[in-house]
Amino acid sequence: MVKKFTLSTNSKTEFIEITPQVERIVKESGVKEGICWVFAPHTTAGITINEGADPSVRQDILNQLTRIVPFRGNYLHLEGNSPAHIKSSIIGVSEAIIIERGKLVLGTWQSLYFCEFDGPRHRQVIVKVQQ
C-alpha cells in the first residue's frame, strides 16, 4: 500500500514532525508485521528520525548543518539553493521503520521528521507499508 500526504513548511529550514501522519497510515493499512518506508520526493528536503521530546535538539541539528553548509558560499548551482541540496544529501530522503503488532517500532524518545532545507514550500511525503 502506498499513500501520500502533503504539508506546508513555514521557514527556510525546519523539522516538522510527521510521526502521527505516518502512524495513521500504518494503522489504516492493517499491516501487523512489516516495514514502513517514508520518502521525500524532493532534492532540497529530507526525512530523519531523532529526538521528539526536546525541540532544542532539532534546532541544534539545523544550526550545525548550517555551520557545516552555510547559506552563502562559493556554490556553482545557479538556482541559489546548493546548501539545501547538500543538506538533503547529508540527511537523506527516506527512512525504513519496522512495524510490529501494527505499530511503528520507534525508541522512547524517537520521532519521525520531514526536514525542510529550501522553504517555505508545499511538500509531499510518500509512505509505503509493506508486509
N, C-alpha and C. Protein backbone atom coordinates (compact mmCIF):
# COMPACT_ATOMS: atom_id res chain seq x y z
N MET A 1 0.84 -1.17 0.00
CA MET A 1 0.00 0.00 0.00
C MET A 1 0.88 1.24 0.00
N VAL A 2 0.57 2.20 -0.86
CA VAL A 2 1.30 3.46 -0.93
C VAL A 2 0.30 4.59 -0.72
N LYS A 3 0.64 5.49 0.19
CA LYS A 3 -0.18 6.69 0.46
C LYS A 3 0.72 7.90 0.41
N LYS A 4 0.13 9.04 0.06
CA LYS A 4 0.86 10.30 0.03
C LYS A 4 0.12 11.31 0.89
N PHE A 5 0.88 12.21 1.48
CA PHE A 5 0.26 13.36 2.12
C PHE A 5 1.11 14.58 1.87
N THR A 6 0.49 15.74 1.97
CA THR A 6 1.19 16.99 1.71
C THR A 6 1.33 17.77 3.01
N LEU A 7 2.30 18.64 3.02
CA LEU A 7 2.47 19.55 4.14
C LEU A 7 3.05 20.85 3.61
N SER A 8 2.83 21.89 4.36
CA SER A 8 3.38 23.20 4.02
C SER A 8 4.42 23.57 5.06
N THR A 9 5.58 23.97 4.59
CA THR A 9 6.62 24.41 5.51
C THR A 9 6.55 25.93 5.64
N ASN A 10 7.06 26.44 6.74
CA ASN A 10 6.92 27.86 7.06
C ASN A 10 8.22 28.63 7.07
N SER A 11 9.35 27.93 7.08
CA SER A 11 10.65 28.57 7.20
C SER A 11 11.61 28.04 6.14
N LYS A 12 12.74 28.74 5.99
CA LYS A 12 13.78 28.27 5.06
C LYS A 12 14.26 26.89 5.47
N THR A 13 14.51 26.71 6.77
CA THR A 13 14.90 25.39 7.29
C THR A 13 14.05 25.09 8.51
N GLU A 14 13.57 23.87 8.59
CA GLU A 14 12.80 23.44 9.77
C GLU A 14 12.60 21.94 9.74
N PHE A 15 12.35 21.39 10.90
CA PHE A 15 11.97 19.99 11.04
C PHE A 15 10.50 19.98 11.44
N ILE A 16 9.69 19.21 10.71
CA ILE A 16 8.27 19.10 11.01
C ILE A 16 8.00 17.65 11.39
N GLU A 17 7.46 17.43 12.58
CA GLU A 17 7.17 16.06 13.00
C GLU A 17 6.04 15.49 12.16
N ILE A 18 6.27 14.30 11.62
CA ILE A 18 5.27 13.63 10.80
C ILE A 18 4.89 12.25 11.37
N THR A 19 5.32 11.97 12.59
CA THR A 19 5.02 10.67 13.19
C THR A 19 3.53 10.36 13.20
N PRO A 20 2.67 11.29 13.64
CA PRO A 20 1.23 10.96 13.68
C PRO A 20 0.63 10.61 12.32
N GLN A 21 1.03 11.34 11.28
CA GLN A 21 0.50 11.05 9.94
C GLN A 21 0.93 9.66 9.48
N VAL A 22 2.19 9.31 9.73
CA VAL A 22 2.70 8.01 9.31
C VAL A 22 2.06 6.90 10.14
N GLU A 23 1.91 7.10 11.43
CA GLU A 23 1.24 6.10 12.27
C GLU A 23 -0.19 5.85 11.80
N ARG A 24 -0.89 6.90 11.40
CA ARG A 24 -2.26 6.76 10.91
C ARG A 24 -2.29 5.90 9.64
N ILE A 25 -1.34 6.13 8.74
CA ILE A 25 -1.27 5.35 7.50
C ILE A 25 -0.98 3.88 7.81
N VAL A 26 -0.08 3.62 8.75
CA VAL A 26 0.22 2.23 9.14
C VAL A 26 -1.03 1.57 9.70
N LYS A 27 -1.75 2.27 10.56
CA LYS A 27 -2.97 1.72 11.15
C LYS A 27 -4.01 1.41 10.07
N GLU A 28 -4.21 2.36 9.14
CA GLU A 28 -5.17 2.16 8.06
C GLU A 28 -4.79 0.99 7.15
N SER A 29 -3.51 0.70 7.05
CA SER A 29 -3.05 -0.38 6.17
C SER A 29 -3.46 -1.75 6.68
N GLY A 30 -3.60 -1.88 7.99
CA GLY A 30 -3.92 -3.17 8.58
C GLY A 30 -2.72 -4.10 8.71
N VAL A 31 -1.54 -3.66 8.30
CA VAL A 31 -0.33 -4.49 8.38
C VAL A 31 0.09 -4.60 9.84
N LYS A 32 0.30 -5.83 10.29
CA LYS A 32 0.69 -6.06 11.69
C LYS A 32 2.19 -6.24 11.84
N GLU A 33 2.83 -6.86 10.86
CA GLU A 33 4.27 -7.10 10.88
C GLU A 33 4.82 -6.73 9.51
N GLY A 34 5.78 -5.81 9.48
CA GLY A 34 6.31 -5.43 8.18
C GLY A 34 7.27 -4.26 8.27
N ILE A 35 7.31 -3.50 7.19
CA ILE A 35 8.20 -2.34 7.07
C ILE A 35 7.40 -1.16 6.56
N CYS A 36 7.70 0.00 7.09
CA CYS A 36 7.12 1.25 6.62
C CYS A 36 8.24 2.09 6.04
N TRP A 37 8.12 2.40 4.76
CA TRP A 37 9.10 3.24 4.06
C TRP A 37 8.52 4.65 3.99
N VAL A 38 9.31 5.64 4.38
CA VAL A 38 8.88 7.03 4.32
C VAL A 38 9.88 7.76 3.43
N PHE A 39 9.36 8.45 2.41
CA PHE A 39 10.20 9.03 1.37
C PHE A 39 9.77 10.46 1.05
N ALA A 40 10.75 11.35 0.91
CA ALA A 40 10.51 12.72 0.48
C ALA A 40 10.99 12.86 -0.97
N PRO A 41 10.08 13.06 -1.93
CA PRO A 41 10.47 13.13 -3.34
C PRO A 41 10.95 14.53 -3.72
N HIS A 42 11.90 15.04 -2.97
CA HIS A 42 12.41 16.40 -3.18
C HIS A 42 13.93 16.39 -3.04
N THR A 43 14.62 17.20 -3.82
CA THR A 43 16.09 17.25 -3.75
C THR A 43 16.60 18.27 -2.74
N THR A 44 15.69 19.00 -2.10
CA THR A 44 16.11 20.00 -1.11
C THR A 44 15.39 19.79 0.22
N ALA A 45 15.03 18.54 0.49
CA ALA A 45 14.37 18.19 1.75
C ALA A 45 14.88 16.82 2.18
N GLY A 46 14.46 16.37 3.34
CA GLY A 46 14.89 15.07 3.84
C GLY A 46 13.91 14.48 4.81
N ILE A 47 14.22 13.27 5.23
CA ILE A 47 13.45 12.55 6.25
C ILE A 47 14.46 12.03 7.26
N THR A 48 14.15 12.21 8.54
CA THR A 48 15.05 11.68 9.57
C THR A 48 14.26 11.24 10.79
N ILE A 49 14.90 10.43 11.62
CA ILE A 49 14.38 10.04 12.93
C ILE A 49 15.33 10.62 13.96
N ASN A 50 14.74 11.31 14.95
CA ASN A 50 15.56 11.85 16.02
C ASN A 50 14.68 12.15 17.22
N GLU A 51 15.24 12.77 18.23
CA GLU A 51 14.53 13.02 19.47
C GLU A 51 13.29 13.89 19.25
N GLY A 52 12.21 13.47 19.88
CA GLY A 52 10.96 14.20 19.77
C GLY A 52 10.58 14.95 21.03
N ALA A 53 11.28 14.71 22.13
CA ALA A 53 10.88 15.31 23.40
C ALA A 53 11.37 16.74 23.57
N ASP A 54 12.55 17.03 23.12
CA ASP A 54 13.15 18.34 23.33
C ASP A 54 13.37 19.04 22.00
N PRO A 55 12.60 20.11 21.69
CA PRO A 55 12.74 20.78 20.41
C PRO A 55 14.11 21.41 20.19
N SER A 56 14.87 21.63 21.25
CA SER A 56 16.20 22.22 21.07
C SER A 56 17.14 21.28 20.31
N VAL A 57 16.87 19.97 20.35
CA VAL A 57 17.69 19.03 19.59
C VAL A 57 17.52 19.31 18.09
N ARG A 58 16.29 19.50 17.65
CA ARG A 58 16.06 19.81 16.23
C ARG A 58 16.77 21.10 15.84
N GLN A 59 16.70 22.11 16.70
CA GLN A 59 17.36 23.38 16.40
C GLN A 59 18.87 23.22 16.38
N ASP A 60 19.40 22.41 17.30
CA ASP A 60 20.84 22.14 17.30
C ASP A 60 21.28 21.48 15.99
N ILE A 61 20.49 20.53 15.50
CA ILE A 61 20.84 19.86 14.24
C ILE A 61 20.83 20.87 13.10
N LEU A 62 19.78 21.68 13.02
CA LEU A 62 19.71 22.69 11.96
C LEU A 62 20.87 23.68 12.06
N ASN A 63 21.18 24.12 13.28
CA ASN A 63 22.29 25.06 13.47
C ASN A 63 23.62 24.48 13.01
N GLN A 64 23.86 23.23 13.35
CA GLN A 64 25.14 22.61 12.97
C GLN A 64 25.20 22.31 11.48
N LEU A 65 24.07 21.94 10.88
CA LEU A 65 24.06 21.76 9.43
C LEU A 65 24.38 23.07 8.73
N THR A 66 23.85 24.18 9.24
CA THR A 66 24.14 25.50 8.66
C THR A 66 25.60 25.88 8.87
N ARG A 67 26.18 25.48 10.00
CA ARG A 67 27.60 25.74 10.23
C ARG A 67 28.45 24.95 9.23
N ILE A 68 28.09 23.70 9.01
CA ILE A 68 28.83 22.84 8.08
C ILE A 68 28.61 23.28 6.63
N VAL A 69 27.36 23.62 6.31
CA VAL A 69 26.97 24.01 4.95
C VAL A 69 26.29 25.38 5.04
N PRO A 70 27.06 26.45 5.04
CA PRO A 70 26.47 27.79 5.20
C PRO A 70 25.58 28.18 4.01
N PHE A 71 24.65 29.10 4.28
CA PHE A 71 23.75 29.57 3.22
C PHE A 71 24.51 30.28 2.10
N ARG A 72 25.57 30.97 2.44
CA ARG A 72 26.36 31.66 1.42
C ARG A 72 27.73 30.98 1.31
N GLY A 73 28.14 30.78 0.08
CA GLY A 73 29.42 30.14 -0.16
C GLY A 73 29.76 30.19 -1.63
N ASN A 74 30.79 29.54 -1.99
CA ASN A 74 31.24 29.53 -3.37
C ASN A 74 30.56 28.38 -4.12
N TYR A 75 29.22 28.45 -4.24
CA TYR A 75 28.44 27.40 -4.87
C TYR A 75 28.28 27.70 -6.36
N LEU A 76 28.24 26.68 -7.18
CA LEU A 76 28.14 26.83 -8.62
C LEU A 76 26.70 26.76 -9.14
N HIS A 77 25.83 26.08 -8.43
CA HIS A 77 24.43 25.90 -8.86
C HIS A 77 23.74 27.26 -8.98
N LEU A 78 23.26 27.57 -10.15
CA LEU A 78 22.73 28.90 -10.44
C LEU A 78 21.41 29.22 -9.73
N GLU A 79 20.69 28.20 -9.32
CA GLU A 79 19.39 28.45 -8.68
C GLU A 79 19.54 29.05 -7.27
N GLY A 80 20.73 28.93 -6.70
CA GLY A 80 21.00 29.54 -5.41
C GLY A 80 20.62 28.71 -4.19
N ASN A 81 20.27 27.46 -4.39
CA ASN A 81 19.88 26.63 -3.25
C ASN A 81 20.79 25.41 -3.07
N SER A 82 22.04 25.55 -3.45
CA SER A 82 23.00 24.45 -3.26
C SER A 82 23.09 23.97 -1.82
N PRO A 83 23.09 24.87 -0.81
CA PRO A 83 23.13 24.37 0.56
C PRO A 83 21.99 23.41 0.87
N ALA A 84 20.80 23.68 0.34
CA ALA A 84 19.66 22.79 0.58
C ALA A 84 19.89 21.42 -0.06
N HIS A 85 20.45 21.39 -1.26
CA HIS A 85 20.74 20.12 -1.92
C HIS A 85 21.77 19.32 -1.11
N ILE A 86 22.78 19.99 -0.62
CA ILE A 86 23.83 19.32 0.16
C ILE A 86 23.27 18.78 1.47
N LYS A 87 22.47 19.58 2.17
CA LYS A 87 21.87 19.14 3.44
C LYS A 87 20.94 17.95 3.21
N SER A 88 20.19 17.97 2.11
CA SER A 88 19.33 16.83 1.78
C SER A 88 20.15 15.56 1.59
N SER A 89 21.29 15.70 0.93
CA SER A 89 22.15 14.53 0.72
C SER A 89 22.76 14.03 2.03
N ILE A 90 23.08 14.94 2.93
CA ILE A 90 23.64 14.54 4.23
C ILE A 90 22.59 13.80 5.06
N ILE A 91 21.40 14.35 5.16
CA ILE A 91 20.33 13.76 5.98
C ILE A 91 19.74 12.53 5.31
N GLY A 92 19.52 12.60 4.00
CA GLY A 92 18.87 11.51 3.28
C GLY A 92 17.39 11.80 3.08
N VAL A 93 16.81 11.13 2.11
CA VAL A 93 15.42 11.41 1.76
C VAL A 93 14.44 10.31 2.16
N SER A 94 14.92 9.31 2.89
CA SER A 94 14.00 8.24 3.28
C SER A 94 14.42 7.58 4.59
N GLU A 95 13.45 6.91 5.18
CA GLU A 95 13.69 6.10 6.37
C GLU A 95 12.84 4.84 6.25
N ALA A 96 13.33 3.74 6.79
CA ALA A 96 12.59 2.50 6.88
C ALA A 96 12.37 2.21 8.36
N ILE A 97 11.12 1.98 8.73
CA ILE A 97 10.78 1.73 10.14
C ILE A 97 10.08 0.38 10.23
N ILE A 98 10.52 -0.43 11.15
CA ILE A 98 9.90 -1.74 11.38
C ILE A 98 8.50 -1.54 11.95
N ILE A 99 7.59 -2.42 11.54
CA ILE A 99 6.23 -2.45 12.10
C ILE A 99 6.10 -3.75 12.87
N GLU A 100 5.71 -3.65 14.13
CA GLU A 100 5.40 -4.83 14.97
C GLU A 100 4.06 -4.59 15.65
N ARG A 101 3.23 -5.63 15.62
CA ARG A 101 1.90 -5.54 16.24
C ARG A 101 1.11 -4.32 15.75
N GLY A 102 1.31 -3.97 14.47
CA GLY A 102 0.56 -2.88 13.86
C GLY A 102 1.05 -1.49 14.20
N LYS A 103 2.22 -1.40 14.86
CA LYS A 103 2.74 -0.09 15.25
C LYS A 103 4.18 0.09 14.79
N LEU A 104 4.55 1.35 14.55
CA LEU A 104 5.94 1.67 14.23
C LEU A 104 6.83 1.34 15.42
N VAL A 105 7.98 0.75 15.16
CA VAL A 105 8.95 0.48 16.22
C VAL A 105 9.90 1.68 16.27
N LEU A 106 9.63 2.56 17.21
CA LEU A 106 10.48 3.73 17.46
C LEU A 106 10.91 3.69 18.91
N GLY A 107 12.10 4.18 19.18
CA GLY A 107 12.58 4.26 20.55
C GLY A 107 11.77 5.24 21.37
N THR A 108 11.92 5.19 22.67
CA THR A 108 11.16 6.02 23.60
C THR A 108 11.14 7.48 23.21
N TRP A 109 12.27 8.01 22.80
CA TRP A 109 12.37 9.45 22.51
C TRP A 109 12.34 9.76 21.02
N GLN A 110 12.18 8.75 20.19
CA GLN A 110 12.29 8.97 18.75
C GLN A 110 10.98 9.44 18.11
N SER A 111 11.14 10.36 17.16
CA SER A 111 10.04 10.83 16.32
C SER A 111 10.55 10.90 14.88
N LEU A 112 9.62 10.94 13.97
CA LEU A 112 9.92 10.99 12.55
C LEU A 112 9.72 12.42 12.07
N TYR A 113 10.68 12.94 11.27
CA TYR A 113 10.64 14.33 10.85
C TYR A 113 10.81 14.50 9.34
N PHE A 114 10.03 15.44 8.79
CA PHE A 114 10.28 15.97 7.47
C PHE A 114 11.23 17.14 7.66
N CYS A 115 12.33 17.17 6.92
CA CYS A 115 13.36 18.19 7.07
C CYS A 115 13.32 19.13 5.87
N GLU A 116 12.95 20.36 6.12
CA GLU A 116 12.91 21.38 5.07
C GLU A 116 14.23 22.13 5.04
N PHE A 117 14.81 22.25 3.84
CA PHE A 117 16.07 22.99 3.69
C PHE A 117 15.98 24.11 2.65
N ASP A 118 14.80 24.29 2.04
CA ASP A 118 14.65 25.30 0.99
C ASP A 118 13.22 25.86 0.98
N GLY A 119 12.73 26.17 2.16
CA GLY A 119 11.35 26.62 2.27
C GLY A 119 11.22 28.12 2.25
N PRO A 120 10.01 28.56 2.50
CA PRO A 120 8.81 27.74 2.69
C PRO A 120 8.28 27.21 1.35
N ARG A 121 7.69 26.02 1.43
CA ARG A 121 7.17 25.35 0.24
C ARG A 121 6.01 24.43 0.61
N HIS A 122 5.31 23.97 -0.43
CA HIS A 122 4.35 22.88 -0.28
C HIS A 122 5.11 21.61 -0.65
N ARG A 123 5.05 20.62 0.23
CA ARG A 123 5.84 19.41 0.04
C ARG A 123 4.95 18.17 0.09
N GLN A 124 5.52 17.06 -0.34
CA GLN A 124 4.82 15.79 -0.34
C GLN A 124 5.67 14.74 0.38
N VAL A 125 4.99 13.83 1.05
CA VAL A 125 5.64 12.69 1.69
C VAL A 125 4.94 11.44 1.17
N ILE A 126 5.73 10.45 0.77
CA ILE A 126 5.20 9.18 0.28
C ILE A 126 5.51 8.09 1.30
N VAL A 127 4.49 7.33 1.65
CA VAL A 127 4.63 6.26 2.65
C VAL A 127 4.22 4.95 2.02
N LYS A 128 5.09 3.96 2.09
CA LYS A 128 4.76 2.60 1.60
C LYS A 128 4.80 1.66 2.80
N VAL A 129 3.70 0.97 3.01
CA VAL A 129 3.61 -0.01 4.08
C VAL A 129 3.64 -1.38 3.43
N GLN A 130 4.57 -2.19 3.87
CA GLN A 130 4.83 -3.48 3.24
C GLN A 130 4.82 -4.59 4.29
N GLN A 131 4.12 -5.67 3.97
CA GLN A 131 4.07 -6.81 4.88
C GLN A 131 5.24 -7.72 4.64
